[in-house]
PDB file of N, CA and C in Angstrom:
ATOM      1  N   MET A   1    -285.219  44.663  20.434  1.00  0.00           N
ATOM      2  CA  MET A   1    -286.628  44.807  20.696  1.00  0.00           C
ATOM      3  C   MET A   1    -287.364  43.482  20.515  1.00  0.00           C
ATOM      4  N   ALA A   2    -286.781  42.576  19.738  1.00  0.00           N
ATOM      5  CA  ALA A   2    -287.445  41.297  19.532  1.00  0.00           C
ATOM      6  C   ALA A   2    -287.487  40.468  20.816  1.00  0.00           C
ATOM      7  N   GLN A   3    -286.639  40.788  21.786  1.00  0.00           N
ATOM      8  CA  GLN A   3    -286.609  40.042  23.043  1.00  0.00           C
ATOM      9  C   GLN A   3    -287.015  40.919  24.232  1.00  0.00           C
ATOM     10  N   TRP A   4    -287.846  41.919  23.992  1.00  0.00           N
ATOM     11  CA  TRP A   4    -288.216  42.861  25.033  1.00  0.00           C
ATOM     12  C   TRP A   4    -288.801  42.152  26.254  1.00  0.00           C
ATOM     13  N   GLN A   5    -289.660  41.159  26.063  1.00  0.00           N
ATOM     14  CA  GLN A   5    -290.271  40.466  27.196  1.00  0.00           C
ATOM     15  C   GLN A   5    -289.208  39.798  28.064  1.00  0.00           C
ATOM     16  N   ARG A   6    -288.174  39.301  27.444  1.00  0.00           N
ATOM     17  CA  ARG A   6    -287.108  38.619  28.178  1.00  0.00           C
ATOM     18  C   ARG A   6    -286.263  39.600  28.993  1.00  0.00           C
ATOM     19  N   PHE A   7    -285.994  40.781  28.447  1.00  0.00           N
ATOM     20  CA  PHE A   7    -285.046  41.702  29.068  1.00  0.00           C
ATOM     21  C   PHE A   7    -285.679  42.960  29.655  1.00  0.00           C
ATOM     22  N   ARG A   8    -286.990  43.079  29.641  1.00  0.00           N
ATOM     23  CA  ARG A   8    -287.626  44.331  30.056  1.00  0.00           C
ATOM     24  C   ARG A   8    -287.363  44.685  31.512  1.00  0.00           C
ATOM     25  N   SER A   9    -287.054  43.729  32.351  1.00  0.00           N
ATOM     26  CA  SER A   9    -286.800  44.034  33.764  1.00  0.00           C
ATOM     27  C   SER A   9    -285.347  44.415  34.034  1.00  0.00           C
ATOM     28  N   ARG A  10    -284.493  44.313  33.028  1.00  0.00           N
ATOM     29  CA  ARG A  10    -283.089  44.699  33.201  1.00  0.00           C
ATOM     30  C   ARG A  10    -282.980  46.218  33.290  1.00  0.00           C
ATOM     31  N   PRO A  11    -282.012  46.712  34.051  1.00  0.00           N
ATOM     32  CA  PRO A  11    -281.801  48.166  34.087  1.00  0.00           C
ATOM     33  C   PRO A  11    -281.491  48.703  32.686  1.00  0.00           C
ATOM     34  N   TRP A  12    -282.032  49.874  32.391  1.00  0.00           N
ATOM     35  CA  TRP A  12    -281.852  50.445  31.052  1.00  0.00           C
ATOM     36  C   TRP A  12    -280.384  50.688  30.743  1.00  0.00           C
ATOM     37  N   ASN A  13    -279.578  50.998  31.757  1.00  0.00           N
ATOM     38  CA  ASN A  13    -278.143  51.179  31.521  1.00  0.00           C
ATOM     39  C   ASN A  13    -277.507  49.901  30.988  1.00  0.00           C
ATOM     40  N   ASP A  14    -277.926  48.752  31.526  1.00  0.00           N
ATOM     41  CA  ASP A  14    -277.403  47.476  31.044  1.00  0.00           C
ATOM     42  C   ASP A  14    -277.774  47.260  29.583  1.00  0.00           C
ATOM     43  N   LEU A  15    -279.036  47.553  29.254  1.00  0.00           N
ATOM     44  CA  LEU A  15    -279.490  47.365  27.875  1.00  0.00           C
ATOM     45  C   LEU A  15    -278.743  48.290  26.921  1.00  0.00           C
ATOM     46  N   ALA A  16    -278.559  49.531  27.329  1.00  0.00           N
ATOM     47  CA  ALA A  16    -277.838  50.485  26.476  1.00  0.00           C
ATOM     48  C   ALA A  16    -276.392  50.053  26.303  1.00  0.00           C
ATOM     49  N   HIS A  17    -275.769  49.631  27.387  1.00  0.00           N
ATOM     50  CA  HIS A  17    -274.368  49.224  27.305  1.00  0.00           C
ATOM     51  C   HIS A  17    -274.201  48.009  26.395  1.00  0.00           C
ATOM     52  N   SER A  18    -275.079  47.035  26.528  1.00  0.00           N
ATOM     53  CA  SER A  18    -274.951  45.842  25.690  1.00  0.00           C
ATOM     54  C   SER A  18    -275.115  46.189  24.217  1.00  0.00           C
ATOM     55  N   THR A  19    -275.974  47.141  23.905  1.00  0.00           N
ATOM     56  CA  THR A  19    -276.150  47.572  22.518  1.00  0.00           C
ATOM     57  C   THR A  19    -274.915  48.309  22.031  1.00  0.00           C
ATOM     58  N   HIS A  20    -274.338  49.156  22.870  1.00  0.00           N
ATOM     59  CA  HIS A  20    -273.142  49.893  22.464  1.00  0.00           C
ATOM     60  C   HIS A  20    -271.958  48.965  22.253  1.00  0.00           C
ATOM     61  N   VAL A  21    -271.821  47.959  23.096  1.00  0.00           N
ATOM     62  CA  VAL A  21    -270.692  47.031  22.979  1.00  0.00           C
ATOM     63  C   VAL A  21    -270.854  46.136  21.754  1.00  0.00           C
ATOM     64  N   ARG A  22    -272.034  45.618  21.537  1.00  0.00           N
ATOM     65  CA  ARG A  22    -272.254  44.635  20.473  1.00  0.00           C
ATOM     66  C   ARG A  22    -272.744  45.225  19.170  1.00  0.00           C
ATOM     67  N   GLY A  23    -273.349  46.377  19.198  1.00  0.00           N
ATOM     68  CA  GLY A  23    -273.926  46.935  17.983  1.00  0.00           C
ATOM     69  C   GLY A  23    -275.239  46.256  17.647  1.00  0.00           C
ATOM     70  N   ALA A  24    -275.793  46.657  16.528  1.00  0.00           N
ATOM     71  CA  ALA A  24    -277.091  46.111  16.111  1.00  0.00           C
ATOM     72  C   ALA A  24    -276.910  44.674  15.644  1.00  0.00           C
ATOM     73  N   GLY A  25    -277.717  43.815  16.155  1.00  0.00           N
ATOM     74  CA  GLY A  25    -277.756  42.430  15.713  1.00  0.00           C
ATOM     75  C   GLY A  25    -279.169  42.098  15.285  1.00  0.00           C
ATOM     76  N   THR A  26    -279.443  40.835  15.110  1.00  0.00           N
ATOM     77  CA  THR A  26    -280.797  40.421  14.763  1.00  0.00           C
ATOM     78  C   THR A  26    -281.219  39.286  15.687  1.00  0.00           C
ATOM     79  N   HIS A  27    -282.514  39.090  15.778  1.00  0.00           N
ATOM     80  CA  HIS A  27    -283.044  37.979  16.567  1.00  0.00           C
ATOM     81  C   HIS A  27    -284.352  37.530  15.942  1.00  0.00           C
ATOM     82  N   ASP A  28    -284.497  36.237  15.816  1.00  0.00           N
ATOM     83  CA  ASP A  28    -285.805  35.694  15.456  1.00  0.00           C
ATOM     84  C   ASP A  28    -286.008  34.402  16.228  1.00  0.00           C
ATOM     85  N   ALA A  29    -287.264  34.011  16.341  1.00  0.00           N
ATOM     86  CA  ALA A  29    -287.618  32.875  17.188  1.00  0.00           C
ATOM     87  C   ALA A  29    -286.969  31.572  16.719  1.00  0.00           C
ATOM     88  N   ARG A  30    -286.791  31.405  15.424  1.00  0.00           N
ATOM     89  CA  ARG A  30    -286.242  30.155  14.902  1.00  0.00           C
ATOM     90  C   ARG A  30    -284.724  30.070  15.040  1.00  0.00           C
ATOM     91  N   ASP A  31    -284.010  31.129  14.624  1.00  0.00           N
ATOM     92  CA  ASP A  31    -282.554  31.081  14.601  1.00  0.00           C
ATOM     93  C   ASP A  31    -281.894  31.688  15.833  1.00  0.00           C
ATOM     94  N   GLY A  32    -282.675  32.375  16.658  1.00  0.00           N
ATOM     95  CA  GLY A  32    -282.111  32.992  17.855  1.00  0.00           C
ATOM     96  C   GLY A  32    -281.381  34.280  17.532  1.00  0.00           C
ATOM     97  N   GLU A  33    -280.385  34.592  18.349  1.00  0.00           N
ATOM     98  CA  GLU A  33    -279.663  35.850  18.232  1.00  0.00           C
ATOM     99  C   GLU A  33    -278.471  35.704  17.286  1.00  0.00           C
ATOM    100  N   ARG A  34    -278.298  36.701  16.434  1.00  0.00           N
ATOM    101  CA  ARG A  34    -277.141  36.761  15.539  1.00  0.00           C
ATOM    102  C   ARG A  34    -276.449  38.091  15.776  1.00  0.00           C
ATOM    103  N   LEU A  35    -275.224  38.015  16.265  1.00  0.00           N
ATOM    104  CA  LEU A  35    -274.479  39.215  16.603  1.00  0.00           C
ATOM    105  C   LEU A  35    -273.613  39.648  15.430  1.00  0.00           C
ATOM    106  N   ARG A  36    -273.429  40.967  15.275  1.00  0.00           N
ATOM    107  CA  ARG A  36    -272.562  41.481  14.213  1.00  0.00           C
ATOM    108  C   ARG A  36    -271.097  41.369  14.580  1.00  0.00           C
ATOM    109  N   VAL A  37    -270.785  41.445  15.849  1.00  0.00           N
ATOM    110  CA  VAL A  37    -269.393  41.394  16.299  1.00  0.00           C
ATOM    111  C   VAL A  37    -269.284  40.459  17.489  1.00  0.00           C
ATOM    112  N   SER A  38    -268.097  39.960  17.703  1.00  0.00           N
ATOM    113  CA  SER A  38    -267.844  39.210  18.929  1.00  0.00           C
ATOM    114  C   SER A  38    -266.933  40.058  19.806  1.00  0.00           C
ATOM    115  N   VAL A  39    -267.081  39.918  21.105  1.00  0.00           N
ATOM    116  CA  VAL A  39    -266.296  40.683  22.065  1.00  0.00           C
ATOM    117  C   VAL A  39    -265.551  39.688  22.951  1.00  0.00           C
ATOM    118  N   THR A  40    -264.248  39.887  23.034  1.00  0.00           N
ATOM    119  CA  THR A  40    -263.408  39.056  23.887  1.00  0.00           C
ATOM    120  C   THR A  40    -262.742  39.949  24.913  1.00  0.00           C
ATOM    121  N   LEU A  41    -262.834  39.565  26.174  1.00  0.00           N
ATOM    122  CA  LEU A  41    -262.219  40.319  27.248  1.00  0.00           C
ATOM    123  C   LEU A  41    -260.950  39.636  27.720  1.00  0.00           C
ATOM    124  N   ALA A  42    -259.913  40.420  27.926  1.00  0.00           N
ATOM    125  CA  ALA A  42    -258.724  39.970  28.637  1.00  0.00           C
ATOM    126  C   ALA A  42    -258.820  40.658  29.985  1.00  0.00           C
ATOM    127  N   THR A  43    -259.244  39.920  30.973  1.00  0.00           N
ATOM    128  CA  THR A  43    -259.666  40.541  32.223  1.00  0.00           C
ATOM    129  C   THR A  43    -259.362  39.649  33.413  1.00  0.00           C
ATOM    130  N   ALA A  44    -259.400  40.270  34.575  1.00  0.00           N
ATOM    131  CA  ALA A  44    -259.203  39.509  35.804  1.00  0.00           C
ATOM    132  C   ALA A  44    -260.452  38.726  36.192  1.00  0.00           C
ATOM    133  N   MET A  45    -261.598  39.038  35.566  1.00  0.00           N
ATOM    134  CA  MET A  45    -262.790  38.234  35.869  1.00  0.00           C
ATOM    135  C   MET A  45    -262.557  36.815  35.357  1.00  0.00           C
ATOM    136  N   SER A  46    -263.244  35.883  35.923  1.00  0.00           N
ATOM    137  CA  SER A  46    -263.038  34.488  35.534  1.00  0.00           C
ATOM    138  C   SER A  46    -263.590  34.221  34.137  1.00  0.00           C
ATOM    139  N   GLU A  47    -263.033  33.213  33.501  1.00  0.00           N
ATOM    140  CA  GLU A  47    -263.517  32.822  32.178  1.00  0.00           C
ATOM    141  C   GLU A  47    -264.984  32.413  32.238  1.00  0.00           C
ATOM    142  N   SER A  48    -265.379  31.725  33.300  1.00  0.00           N
ATOM    143  CA  SER A  48    -266.773  31.271  33.391  1.00  0.00           C
ATOM    144  C   SER A  48    -267.735  32.450  33.487  1.00  0.00           C
ATOM    145  N   VAL A  49    -267.356  33.515  34.172  1.00  0.00           N
ATOM    146  CA  VAL A  49    -268.221  34.694  34.272  1.00  0.00           C
ATOM    147  C   VAL A  49    -268.326  35.372  32.907  1.00  0.00           C
ATOM    148  N   ALA A  50    -267.196  35.549  32.216  1.00  0.00           N
ATOM    149  CA  ALA A  50    -267.226  36.178  30.886  1.00  0.00           C
ATOM    150  C   ALA A  50    -268.115  35.385  29.938  1.00  0.00           C
ATOM    151  N   ARG A  51    -267.958  34.081  29.916  1.00  0.00           N
ATOM    152  CA  ARG A  51    -268.740  33.249  28.995  1.00  0.00           C
ATOM    153  C   ARG A  51    -270.213  33.183  29.395  1.00  0.00           C
ATOM    154  N   SER A  52    -270.499  33.353  30.681  1.00  0.00           N
ATOM    155  CA  SER A  52    -271.898  33.299  31.129  1.00  0.00           C
ATOM    156  C   SER A  52    -272.706  34.481  30.598  1.00  0.00           C
ATOM    157  N   VAL A  53    -272.040  35.559  30.202  1.00  0.00           N
ATOM    158  CA  VAL A  53    -272.727  36.708  29.624  1.00  0.00           C
ATOM    159  C   VAL A  53    -272.402  36.845  28.136  1.00  0.00           C
ATOM    160  N   ASN A  54    -272.062  35.712  27.516  1.00  0.00           N
ATOM    161  CA  ASN A  54    -271.871  35.618  26.075  1.00  0.00           C
ATOM    162  C   ASN A  54    -270.695  36.448  25.562  1.00  0.00           C
ATOM    163  N   LEU A  55    -269.626  36.523  26.370  1.00  0.00           N
ATOM    164  CA  LEU A  55    -268.405  37.197  25.955  1.00  0.00           C
ATOM    165  C   LEU A  55    -267.281  36.177  25.848  1.00  0.00           C
ATOM    166  N   GLY A  56    -266.366  36.428  24.933  1.00  0.00           N
ATOM    167  CA  GLY A  56    -265.179  35.601  24.854  1.00  0.00           C
ATOM    168  C   GLY A  56    -264.231  35.964  25.985  1.00  0.00           C
ATOM    169  N   TYR A  57    -263.279  35.108  26.231  1.00  0.00           N
ATOM    170  CA  TYR A  57    -262.324  35.337  27.322  1.00  0.00           C
ATOM    171  C   TYR A  57    -260.918  35.020  26.846  1.00  0.00           C
ATOM    172  N   ARG A  58    -259.982  35.835  27.303  1.00  0.00           N
ATOM    173  CA  ARG A  58    -258.567  35.578  27.063  1.00  0.00           C
ATOM    174  C   ARG A  58    -257.799  35.900  28.328  1.00  0.00           C
ATOM    175  N   ASP A  59    -256.859  35.059  28.687  1.00  0.00           N
ATOM    176  CA  ASP A  59    -256.039  35.286  29.873  1.00  0.00           C
ATOM    177  C   ASP A  59    -255.094  36.447  29.590  1.00  0.00           C
ATOM    178  N   PRO A  60    -255.168  37.527  30.374  1.00  0.00           N
ATOM    179  CA  PRO A  60    -254.309  38.687  30.109  1.00  0.00           C
ATOM    180  C   PRO A  60    -252.824  38.356  30.192  1.00  0.00           C
ATOM    181  N   ALA A  61    -252.455  37.351  30.960  1.00  0.00           N
ATOM    182  CA  ALA A  61    -251.039  36.974  31.087  1.00  0.00           C
ATOM    183  C   ALA A  61    -250.481  36.416  29.786  1.00  0.00           C
ATOM    184  N   GLU A  62    -251.358  36.002  28.879  1.00  0.00           N
ATOM    185  CA  GLU A  62    -250.917  35.432  27.603  1.00  0.00           C
ATOM    186  C   GLU A  62    -250.805  36.476  26.495  1.00  0.00           C
ATOM    187  N   ILE A  63    -251.055  37.737  26.805  1.00  0.00           N
ATOM    188  CA  ILE A  63    -251.045  38.795  25.792  1.00  0.00           C
ATOM    189  C   ILE A  63    -249.768  39.612  25.927  1.00  0.00           C
ATOM    190  N   ASP A  64    -249.102  39.824  24.801  1.00  0.00           N
ATOM    191  CA  ASP A  64    -247.875  40.618  24.763  1.00  0.00           C
ATOM    192  C   ASP A  64    -248.135  41.881  23.931  1.00  0.00           C
ATOM    193  N   PRO A  65    -248.465  43.003  24.578  1.00  0.00           N
ATOM    194  CA  PRO A  65    -248.769  44.229  23.831  1.00  0.00           C
ATOM    195  C   PRO A  65    -247.611  44.688  22.948  1.00  0.00           C
ATOM    196  N   ASP A  66    -246.377  44.431  23.355  1.00  0.00           N
ATOM    197  CA  ASP A  66    -245.230  44.832  22.535  1.00  0.00           C
ATOM    198  C   ASP A  66    -245.231  44.085  21.201  1.00  0.00           C
ATOM    199  N   GLU A  67    -245.601  42.825  21.232  1.00  0.00           N
ATOM    200  CA  GLU A  67    -245.685  42.044  19.988  1.00  0.00           C
ATOM    201  C   GLU A  67    -246.773  42.625  19.077  1.00  0.00           C
ATOM    202  N   TRP A  68    -247.919  42.945  19.644  1.00  0.00           N
ATOM    203  CA  TRP A  68    -249.004  43.520  18.852  1.00  0.00           C
ATOM    204  C   TRP A  68    -248.616  44.877  18.289  1.00  0.00           C
ATOM    205  N   ALA A  69    -247.895  45.684  19.067  1.00  0.00           N
ATOM    206  CA  ALA A  69    -247.514  47.037  18.640  1.00  0.00           C
ATOM    207  C   ALA A  69    -246.586  47.006  17.423  1.00  0.00           C
ATOM    208  N   ARG A  70    -245.878  45.923  17.214  1.00  0.00           N
ATOM    209  CA  ARG A  70    -244.996  45.801  16.046  1.00  0.00           C
ATOM    210  C   ARG A  70    -245.774  45.612  14.745  1.00  0.00           C
ATOM    211  N   ASP A  71    -247.051  45.278  14.851  1.00  0.00           N
ATOM    212  CA  ASP A  71    -247.910  45.106  13.674  1.00  0.00           C
ATOM    213  C   ASP A  71    -248.512  46.459  13.311  1.00  0.00           C
ATOM    214  N   ASP A  72    -248.189  46.973  12.123  1.00  0.00           N
ATOM    215  CA  ASP A  72    -248.686  48.287  11.701  1.00  0.00           C
ATOM    216  C   ASP A  72    -250.211  48.364  11.651  1.00  0.00           C
ATOM    217  N   GLY A  73    -250.885  47.246  11.517  1.00  0.00           N
ATOM    218  CA  GLY A  73    -252.339  47.246  11.425  1.00  0.00           C
ATOM    219  C   GLY A  73    -253.050  47.114  12.759  1.00  0.00           C
ATOM    220  N   THR A  74    -252.294  47.159  13.851  1.00  0.00           N
ATOM    221  CA  THR A  74    -252.886  46.974  15.169  1.00  0.00           C
ATOM    222  C   THR A  74    -252.676  48.221  16.013  1.00  0.00           C
ATOM    223  N   LEU A  75    -253.741  48.709  16.628  1.00  0.00           N
ATOM    224  CA  LEU A  75    -253.663  49.849  17.528  1.00  0.00           C
ATOM    225  C   LEU A  75    -253.520  49.332  18.947  1.00  0.00           C
ATOM    226  N   VAL A  76    -252.462  49.715  19.616  1.00  0.00           N
ATOM    227  CA  VAL A  76    -252.254  49.379  21.018  1.00  0.00           C
ATOM    228  C   VAL A  76    -252.325  50.677  21.817  1.00  0.00           C
ATOM    229  N   VAL A  77    -253.273  50.742  22.745  1.00  0.00           N
ATOM    230  CA  VAL A  77    -253.428  51.909  23.602  1.00  0.00           C
ATOM    231  C   VAL A  77    -253.126  51.453  25.021  1.00  0.00           C
ATOM    232  N   ARG A  78    -251.984  51.805  25.499  1.00  0.00           N
ATOM    233  CA  ARG A  78    -251.563  51.365  26.831  1.00  0.00           C
ATOM    234  C   ARG A  78    -252.344  52.128  27.894  1.00  0.00           C
ATOM    235  N   ASP A  79    -252.773  51.402  28.912  1.00  0.00           N
ATOM    236  CA  ASP A  79    -253.512  51.995  30.027  1.00  0.00           C
ATOM    237  C   ASP A  79    -254.694  52.839  29.547  1.00  0.00           C
ATOM    238  N   ALA A  80    -255.445  52.308  28.606  1.00  0.00           N
ATOM    239  CA  ALA A  80    -256.526  53.071  27.982  1.00  0.00           C
ATOM    240  C   ALA A  80    -257.705  53.292  28.920  1.00  0.00           C
ATOM    241  N   GLY A  81    -257.921  52.396  29.851  1.00  0.00           N
ATOM    242  CA  GLY A  81    -259.068  52.560  30.747  1.00  0.00           C
ATOM    243  C   GLY A  81    -260.359  52.599  29.962  1.00  0.00           C
ATOM    244  N   GLU A  82    -261.119  53.661  30.105  1.00  0.00           N
ATOM    245  CA  GLU A  82    -262.401  53.788  29.429  1.00  0.00           C
ATOM    246  C   GLU A  82    -262.310  54.508  28.103  1.00  0.00           C
ATOM    247  N   GLU A  83    -261.115  54.849  27.683  1.00  0.00           N
ATOM    248  CA  GLU A  83    -260.949  55.586  26.432  1.00  0.00           C
ATOM    249  C   GLU A  83    -261.048  54.611  25.258  1.00  0.00           C
ATOM    250  N   LEU A  84    -261.964  54.887  24.347  1.00  0.00           N
ATOM    251  CA  LEU A  84    -262.161  54.036  23.189  1.00  0.00           C
ATOM    252  C   LEU A  84    -261.812  54.809  21.926  1.00  0.00           C
ATOM    253  N   HIS A  85    -261.444  54.095  20.892  1.00  0.00           N
ATOM    254  CA  HIS A  85    -261.062  54.728  19.638  1.00  0.00           C
ATOM    255  C   HIS A  85    -261.819  54.103  18.486  1.00  0.00           C
ATOM    256  N   ARG A  86    -262.230  54.912  17.539  1.00  0.00           N
ATOM    257  CA  ARG A  86    -262.801  54.420  16.299  1.00  0.00           C
ATOM    258  C   ARG A  86    -261.812  54.779  15.206  1.00  0.00           C
ATOM    259  N   LEU A  87    -261.302  53.768  14.520  1.00  0.00           N
ATOM    260  CA  LEU A  87    -260.295  53.994  13.501  1.00  0.00           C
ATOM    261  C   LEU A  87    -260.932  54.410  12.190  1.00  0.00           C
ATOM    262  N   ARG A  88    -260.329  55.343  11.500  1.00  0.00           N
ATOM    263  CA  ARG A  88    -260.748  55.715  10.159  1.00  0.00           C
ATOM    264  C   ARG A  88    -259.979  54.789   9.220  1.00  0.00           C
ATOM    265  N   LEU A  89    -260.690  53.946   8.505  1.00  0.00           N
ATOM    266  CA  LEU A  89    -260.049  52.947   7.656  1.00  0.00           C
ATOM    267  C   LEU A  89    -259.728  53.466   6.262  1.00  0.00           C
ATOM    268  N   THR A  90    -260.375  54.536   5.873  1.00  0.00           N
ATOM    269  CA  THR A  90    -260.097  55.114   4.543  1.00  0.00           C
ATOM    270  C   THR A  90    -259.792  56.587   4.726  1.00  0.00           C
ATOM    271  N   PRO A  91    -258.927  57.133   3.877  1.00  0.00           N
ATOM    272  CA  PRO A  91    -258.620  58.548   3.997  1.00  0.00           C
ATOM    273  C   PRO A  91    -259.858  59.398   3.753  1.00  0.00           C
ATOM    274  N   SER A  92    -259.966  60.511   4.474  1.00  0.00           N
ATOM    275  CA  SER A  92    -261.134  61.373   4.293  1.00  0.00           C
ATOM    276  C   SER A  92    -260.888  62.382   3.192  1.00  0.00           C
TER     277      SER A  92
END
């Protein structure tokens, strides 16, 4: 909301999506935007496009899901598409 004048003409779906992806952050005129999380995409889009919208980029060809799956602390969801998971870090 601190940057409403800057983003008010953006489609509301874009604003909602950016909030869902990044979560609540802060913004002030002196320090600018401070994000709670960083998002890195391994995608066919170009690195310059990802970085132009303040996202990290990783070449998907450099990622080995089998290597990650061997780490007990890493969740690998093959062919996840739009399915997202929230991990429970402590027993309920």
